Each structure stands twice: as C-alpha cells, then as structure tokens.
N, C-alpha and C. Protein backbone atom coordinates (compact mmCIF):
# COMPACT_ATOMS: atom_id res chain seq x y z
N MET A 1 18.45 16.07 9.94
CA MET A 1 17.48 15.50 9.03
C MET A 1 17.93 15.79 7.60
N MET A 2 17.82 14.77 6.75
CA MET A 2 18.21 14.94 5.36
C MET A 2 17.13 15.72 4.59
N SER A 3 17.57 16.46 3.62
CA SER A 3 16.63 17.16 2.75
C SER A 3 16.33 16.24 1.56
N ASN A 4 15.06 15.98 1.34
CA ASN A 4 14.66 15.08 0.26
C ASN A 4 14.22 15.87 -0.96
N PRO A 5 14.52 15.36 -2.16
CA PRO A 5 14.06 16.02 -3.38
C PRO A 5 12.53 15.93 -3.47
N PRO A 6 11.91 16.89 -4.13
CA PRO A 6 10.44 16.90 -4.21
C PRO A 6 9.84 15.62 -4.80
N TRP A 7 10.48 15.01 -5.78
CA TRP A 7 9.94 13.80 -6.38
C TRP A 7 9.89 12.64 -5.40
N MET A 8 10.74 12.70 -4.37
CA MET A 8 10.77 11.62 -3.38
C MET A 8 9.44 11.54 -2.62
N TYR A 9 8.84 12.70 -2.34
CA TYR A 9 7.56 12.71 -1.62
C TYR A 9 6.46 12.04 -2.45
N LEU A 10 6.43 12.33 -3.75
CA LEU A 10 5.43 11.71 -4.62
C LEU A 10 5.68 10.20 -4.74
N LEU A 11 6.92 9.81 -4.89
CA LEU A 11 7.26 8.40 -5.00
C LEU A 11 6.89 7.63 -3.73
N VAL A 12 7.17 8.21 -2.59
CA VAL A 12 6.83 7.56 -1.32
C VAL A 12 5.32 7.51 -1.13
N PHE A 13 4.61 8.57 -1.52
CA PHE A 13 3.15 8.57 -1.42
C PHE A 13 2.56 7.44 -2.27
N ILE A 14 2.99 7.33 -3.51
CA ILE A 14 2.48 6.30 -4.41
C ILE A 14 2.81 4.91 -3.88
N SER A 15 4.02 4.74 -3.38
CA SER A 15 4.43 3.44 -2.84
C SER A 15 3.62 3.07 -1.61
N SER A 16 3.43 4.02 -0.71
CA SER A 16 2.66 3.76 0.50
C SER A 16 1.20 3.47 0.17
N PHE A 17 0.63 4.27 -0.72
CA PHE A 17 -0.75 4.06 -1.16
C PHE A 17 -0.89 2.64 -1.71
N SER A 18 0.01 2.26 -2.60
CA SER A 18 -0.06 0.95 -3.25
C SER A 18 0.13 -0.19 -2.26
N TYR A 19 1.10 -0.05 -1.36
CA TYR A 19 1.38 -1.11 -0.40
C TYR A 19 0.20 -1.33 0.55
N ILE A 20 -0.33 -0.27 1.11
CA ILE A 20 -1.46 -0.42 2.03
C ILE A 20 -2.72 -0.81 1.27
N PHE A 21 -2.88 -0.34 0.04
CA PHE A 21 -3.99 -0.79 -0.80
C PHE A 21 -3.95 -2.31 -0.90
N LEU A 22 -2.77 -2.85 -1.21
CA LEU A 22 -2.63 -4.29 -1.36
C LEU A 22 -2.84 -5.03 -0.04
N LYS A 23 -2.38 -4.45 1.07
CA LYS A 23 -2.60 -5.09 2.37
C LYS A 23 -4.09 -5.17 2.69
N SER A 24 -4.80 -4.10 2.46
CA SER A 24 -6.25 -4.09 2.70
C SER A 24 -6.97 -5.02 1.74
N PHE A 25 -6.55 -5.00 0.49
CA PHE A 25 -7.13 -5.89 -0.51
C PHE A 25 -6.90 -7.34 -0.13
N GLN A 26 -5.71 -7.64 0.37
CA GLN A 26 -5.37 -9.01 0.79
C GLN A 26 -6.24 -9.45 1.95
N GLN A 27 -6.51 -8.57 2.87
CA GLN A 27 -7.37 -8.91 3.99
C GLN A 27 -8.75 -9.31 3.48
N GLY A 28 -9.26 -8.56 2.49
CA GLY A 28 -10.53 -8.93 1.87
C GLY A 28 -10.45 -10.26 1.14
N ASN A 29 -9.32 -10.52 0.47
CA ASN A 29 -9.15 -11.81 -0.21
C ASN A 29 -9.25 -12.97 0.77
N VAL A 30 -8.57 -12.85 1.90
CA VAL A 30 -8.58 -13.91 2.90
C VAL A 30 -9.96 -14.05 3.53
N THR A 31 -10.55 -12.95 3.92
CA THR A 31 -11.86 -12.97 4.57
C THR A 31 -12.93 -13.57 3.67
N HIS A 32 -12.87 -13.26 2.39
CA HIS A 32 -13.91 -13.71 1.46
C HIS A 32 -13.47 -14.87 0.58
N ARG A 33 -12.38 -15.52 0.97
CA ARG A 33 -11.87 -16.73 0.30
C ARG A 33 -11.65 -16.55 -1.19
N GLN A 34 -11.03 -15.46 -1.55
CA GLN A 34 -10.67 -15.19 -2.94
C GLN A 34 -9.27 -15.77 -3.19
N TYR A 35 -9.18 -17.09 -3.21
CA TYR A 35 -7.89 -17.78 -3.23
C TYR A 35 -7.01 -17.42 -4.43
N LYS A 36 -7.62 -17.20 -5.58
CA LYS A 36 -6.81 -16.93 -6.78
C LYS A 36 -6.07 -15.60 -6.70
N TRP A 37 -6.50 -14.70 -5.82
CA TRP A 37 -5.86 -13.39 -5.69
C TRP A 37 -4.80 -13.34 -4.60
N ILE A 38 -4.74 -14.35 -3.73
CA ILE A 38 -3.86 -14.28 -2.56
C ILE A 38 -2.38 -14.28 -2.94
N LEU A 39 -1.93 -15.21 -3.76
CA LEU A 39 -0.50 -15.29 -4.10
C LEU A 39 -0.02 -14.09 -4.90
N PRO A 40 -0.71 -13.68 -5.98
CA PRO A 40 -0.21 -12.50 -6.71
C PRO A 40 -0.20 -11.23 -5.87
N THR A 41 -1.19 -11.09 -5.00
CA THR A 41 -1.22 -9.92 -4.12
C THR A 41 -0.05 -9.95 -3.16
N SER A 42 0.27 -11.13 -2.63
CA SER A 42 1.41 -11.27 -1.71
C SER A 42 2.73 -10.91 -2.38
N MET A 43 2.89 -11.32 -3.63
CA MET A 43 4.13 -11.02 -4.35
C MET A 43 4.28 -9.52 -4.58
N CYS A 44 3.20 -8.87 -4.96
CA CYS A 44 3.24 -7.41 -5.16
C CYS A 44 3.52 -6.69 -3.84
N MET A 45 2.91 -7.19 -2.76
CA MET A 45 3.16 -6.60 -1.44
C MET A 45 4.63 -6.71 -1.06
N ALA A 46 5.24 -7.85 -1.34
CA ALA A 46 6.65 -8.05 -1.00
C ALA A 46 7.55 -7.06 -1.72
N ILE A 47 7.28 -6.85 -3.00
CA ILE A 47 8.08 -5.90 -3.78
C ILE A 47 7.97 -4.49 -3.19
N LEU A 48 6.74 -4.08 -2.91
CA LEU A 48 6.54 -2.72 -2.38
C LEU A 48 7.08 -2.57 -0.97
N GLU A 49 6.97 -3.61 -0.16
CA GLU A 49 7.48 -3.52 1.21
C GLU A 49 9.00 -3.35 1.22
N VAL A 50 9.69 -4.13 0.41
CA VAL A 50 11.16 -4.00 0.33
C VAL A 50 11.53 -2.61 -0.18
N PHE A 51 10.81 -2.12 -1.19
CA PHE A 51 11.10 -0.79 -1.72
C PHE A 51 10.88 0.28 -0.65
N MET A 52 9.75 0.20 0.06
CA MET A 52 9.45 1.21 1.09
C MET A 52 10.50 1.22 2.19
N VAL A 53 10.84 0.06 2.70
CA VAL A 53 11.83 -0.01 3.80
C VAL A 53 13.18 0.51 3.34
N SER A 54 13.62 0.10 2.15
CA SER A 54 14.93 0.55 1.68
C SER A 54 14.94 2.05 1.38
N THR A 55 13.86 2.57 0.85
CA THR A 55 13.78 4.00 0.56
C THR A 55 13.81 4.83 1.84
N LEU A 56 13.02 4.44 2.83
CA LEU A 56 13.00 5.18 4.09
C LEU A 56 14.33 5.05 4.83
N ALA A 57 14.98 3.88 4.74
CA ALA A 57 16.28 3.71 5.39
C ALA A 57 17.33 4.60 4.72
N LYS A 58 17.26 4.73 3.42
CA LYS A 58 18.25 5.52 2.69
C LYS A 58 18.03 7.02 2.86
N HIS A 59 16.78 7.47 2.82
CA HIS A 59 16.47 8.90 2.82
C HIS A 59 16.04 9.45 4.17
N GLY A 60 15.88 8.59 5.16
CA GLY A 60 15.42 9.05 6.47
C GLY A 60 13.91 9.22 6.49
N ILE A 61 13.37 9.38 7.67
CA ILE A 61 11.92 9.45 7.79
C ILE A 61 11.46 10.90 7.69
N GLY A 62 11.83 11.73 8.63
CA GLY A 62 11.48 13.16 8.58
C GLY A 62 10.04 13.41 8.21
N TRP A 63 9.83 14.29 7.25
CA TRP A 63 8.48 14.63 6.79
C TRP A 63 7.86 13.52 5.96
N LEU A 64 8.66 12.57 5.52
CA LEU A 64 8.12 11.48 4.72
C LEU A 64 7.07 10.68 5.50
N VAL A 65 7.15 10.70 6.83
CA VAL A 65 6.18 9.95 7.63
C VAL A 65 4.75 10.45 7.39
N ILE A 66 4.58 11.74 7.16
CA ILE A 66 3.24 12.29 6.88
C ILE A 66 2.75 11.78 5.52
N VAL A 67 3.64 11.76 4.55
CA VAL A 67 3.29 11.28 3.22
C VAL A 67 2.95 9.79 3.26
N VAL A 68 3.71 9.01 4.03
CA VAL A 68 3.43 7.58 4.18
C VAL A 68 2.06 7.37 4.82
N GLY A 69 1.74 8.14 5.85
CA GLY A 69 0.45 8.01 6.51
C GLY A 69 -0.72 8.38 5.62
N LEU A 70 -0.60 9.47 4.88
CA LEU A 70 -1.66 9.88 3.97
C LEU A 70 -1.86 8.86 2.85
N GLY A 71 -0.77 8.41 2.27
CA GLY A 71 -0.87 7.41 1.21
C GLY A 71 -1.48 6.12 1.71
N GLY A 72 -1.06 5.69 2.89
CA GLY A 72 -1.60 4.46 3.46
C GLY A 72 -3.08 4.54 3.77
N GLY A 73 -3.49 5.64 4.37
CA GLY A 73 -4.90 5.81 4.71
C GLY A 73 -5.79 5.83 3.47
N LEU A 74 -5.38 6.57 2.46
CA LEU A 74 -6.16 6.62 1.22
C LEU A 74 -6.12 5.29 0.47
N GLY A 75 -5.00 4.60 0.56
CA GLY A 75 -4.91 3.27 -0.07
C GLY A 75 -5.84 2.26 0.58
N SER A 76 -5.94 2.30 1.89
CA SER A 76 -6.82 1.38 2.61
C SER A 76 -8.30 1.64 2.29
N ILE A 77 -8.67 2.90 2.30
CA ILE A 77 -10.06 3.26 1.96
C ILE A 77 -10.39 2.82 0.54
N SER A 78 -9.49 3.07 -0.39
CA SER A 78 -9.71 2.71 -1.79
C SER A 78 -9.84 1.20 -1.98
N ALA A 79 -8.95 0.45 -1.35
CA ALA A 79 -8.97 -1.01 -1.49
C ALA A 79 -10.24 -1.61 -0.92
N THR A 80 -10.65 -1.13 0.24
CA THR A 80 -11.86 -1.64 0.87
C THR A 80 -13.07 -1.39 -0.02
N TYR A 81 -13.17 -0.19 -0.54
CA TYR A 81 -14.29 0.16 -1.41
C TYR A 81 -14.30 -0.70 -2.68
N LEU A 82 -13.17 -0.78 -3.36
CA LEU A 82 -13.10 -1.51 -4.63
C LEU A 82 -13.27 -3.01 -4.44
N HIS A 83 -12.73 -3.57 -3.36
CA HIS A 83 -12.86 -5.00 -3.11
C HIS A 83 -14.33 -5.38 -2.94
N PHE A 84 -15.04 -4.62 -2.14
CA PHE A 84 -16.45 -4.93 -1.92
C PHE A 84 -17.29 -4.62 -3.16
N LYS A 85 -16.91 -3.62 -3.93
CA LYS A 85 -17.68 -3.27 -5.12
C LYS A 85 -17.54 -4.31 -6.22
N TYR A 86 -16.33 -4.85 -6.42
CA TYR A 86 -16.08 -5.72 -7.57
C TYR A 86 -15.88 -7.20 -7.27
N LEU A 87 -15.47 -7.56 -6.06
CA LEU A 87 -15.13 -8.95 -5.80
C LEU A 87 -16.06 -9.67 -4.83
N VAL A 88 -16.77 -8.97 -4.02
CA VAL A 88 -17.65 -9.61 -3.04
C VAL A 88 -19.05 -9.70 -3.62
N LYS A 89 -19.54 -10.92 -3.66
CA LYS A 89 -20.88 -11.13 -4.19
C LYS A 89 -21.91 -10.92 -3.09
N GLU A 90 -22.91 -10.13 -3.38
CA GLU A 90 -23.99 -9.87 -2.41
C GLU A 90 -24.85 -11.12 -2.27
N LYS A 91 -25.30 -11.36 -1.05
CA LYS A 91 -26.16 -12.53 -0.81
C LYS A 91 -27.61 -12.13 -0.82
C-alpha cells in the first residue's frame, strides 16, 4: 500500500463531498423538474468524477476509502437538506 501525504486525505474528502453533493443535488433537480440546474450540475459532476477516479488510480485506495465514504455521506446529507430548503417550493 502506498503512503499518501496528509494533504491528499483532505483533497479526497473535499472532492468526494463535492461529487456526492452534486449527485444528490442532481437527483433533486430531476425529481423536482429543476431543468435549468441539470446541465451545469452534470458538467461539474463530470469534472469531479474524472478527478476522483484519476486520483484514486494514481495514489491507490488504502485508507482513502474511509475518507471517500465520509465525504460522500456528508455531501449527500448536505445536498438533500439544501435542495429542499432553497429549491423545492412547498405546496
């Protein structure tokens, strides 16, 4: 297993948080027909997905998998909360 520099864990956490945030946000966009947000969200997701895959391929998974999971879980919770708070109109 490769030894990763400490900054790599923070970078992977932020990337995972952001990527899963956008995936969850996109699900809300589709479900609630927020058409104007779908394309820009998809483009941001593509950038982060390529970055995440290339980073993990280059540095190995190892302990980074825990950081990816924590970032993803917190990103999903955050996106769901913010999407419903700011973009979904109550009936």
